[in-house]
Amino acid sequence: MPPDAKPVDHVPAAGRRDSRRVLILGGGFAGAYCAQELERRARGLPVDIVLFDRHNYFVFHPLLMEAGTGSLEPRHAVVSIRRFLSTTRFIMAEVLDVDQERREVVYQVAGEEHVSRMGYDHLVVAPGSVTLLPPVPGLSRYGFQLKSLADAVGLRDRAIQMLEISDALTDSAARRARLHFVVVGGNFTGVEAAGELEVLLSSARRLYRTIRRDEIKVTLIDRADKLLSSIAENDLSEYARLHLLKRGIDVRLNVSVREVREDHVILTDGAVLPACTVLWCAGIAPSPLIARLKLPIDERGYVLCERDLRVAGCSDVWAIGDCAVNIDAEGKPYPATAQHAVRQGVALARNLARVLQGQPARPCDIRHQGSLVALGCRTGVAKVFGVKLSGFPAWFLWRTVYLMKMPGWTRRVRIALDWTLALLFTRDYVQLGLHRGGWHEESEKPGHDSAHARLVSD
């Protein structure tokens, strides 16, 4: 808490109000869907639901890369929290701390200097995750990430900027370095990013007469021995690898990055890749807020939870989503994916409704429904309810599933129109005025479910 801040707007703690108060920290998939389901389940009960987040929207991450590369209008990939919820009170603020002894959340409203407190009966911790930033020399200065809409649009601006610069250069080596994009991380985000980047660069190149196709290169790096390691099916992983190779994407496995410099990357096997853009998609870490809450955590910093989603050793604090270790009946943690975050949010809402009515909470049992990965060029891989698909059918299923999962029919229609227009007309390859200025220290502030790279407007 800032030393000169004065606590104001003190809302009475639990036990002094007629209704019960549930505070939700984080408006990502887990927190937002928990609030929405709790609204329905607690209808008629004396319950106040309050949700805190640094932004008044949450990003629909499955469509993030498409929004960044231009096949989707960027604003259609974000969902208004106020439109998504009805009776929940939303407060756009940064959570600074939680006083568990007084059962109060300490927060600071956006744009204000003073600090406020609000009491709770039940607290839901769901601030999500940030990009895992390992101590790789040069990464914090030169690396890009893909967690927010600003990141995606900024990456697109960077790609177009490199095309513009290269078009004016005569030095072949300098051109190739600027047109070489290195993506680190071969799981869902990295594979989709590499595929979409290749489509963007190859299509936009036609506007630049001096740039040859062989000067553009995308390299995908992963330290595992196969792509999409979270998918057990080796045939789907191999299909993805071969498809990317066929399109000219350099796939390097069993290797990682040792150092990132302004114009080249050094790999752990000693290879040097001339490249001016490195996109880091290799792993996540819990929100920095978790370290401030004095909750039980594992060796990686994730909140330890019971089977009913309660934080271990707590009766009134719950944790869901990417920041938490929620385990299944076999004691294995659920994956940190949007699919599981949404379903954990719904399961927790059911448990909160039961507890508020004096009933015991139930274990959270989630059956994995499947995996969908888009590879670009209307191709993908998928496994849904045990059925494996690849190629165009998998890509079509990917779009259909995520279109229907997007909240609200108005937004679904807009996205469908965006996709239709993208099929009928060429994309508009123009910058939106967002350029990378470095890894933003503000991205490490607690209480939000995504880290933001610094983007400096022209």
Foldseek 3Di string as FASTA:
>chain_A
DDPPADADPEAAAPPPDPAAEEEEFECELQRLLLQALLCVLCVPGRYAYEYEFQDQKYFQVVCLLVCLLFLAVLVLRIGGSPVSHPRHHYANWFFDEADVVRQWTWTGGPPDDHIYIYYHQFYEYEQAWEADDDPAAPCQFQAAERFDSLSSNQVLLLQLVLLVVLLPDDDLLQNLQSQEEEEEAQAQVRLQNQLSSLVSNVQVCVVRVVDDPVSHAYEYEYLAPFGNVVDPDVVQRVVSVVVCVVSHYHYYYNKGWRHDDQQWTAIPVGDIGGYRYYYYPHDIAAALRLVRHPADADPRSAFEADQLQAGPPDDRYGYAANRHQHAAPVRHGDDRDSVRSNLNSSLNSVQVSQVSVVHHGDGRHDDDQWDAHDNYPCWTWIAGPRDTDTGNVSSVVSVVVSLVVSPDPVSSVSRVVSNVVVVVDPGDSDRPFWHADGADPVQNRGRHNYGDGDTDGD
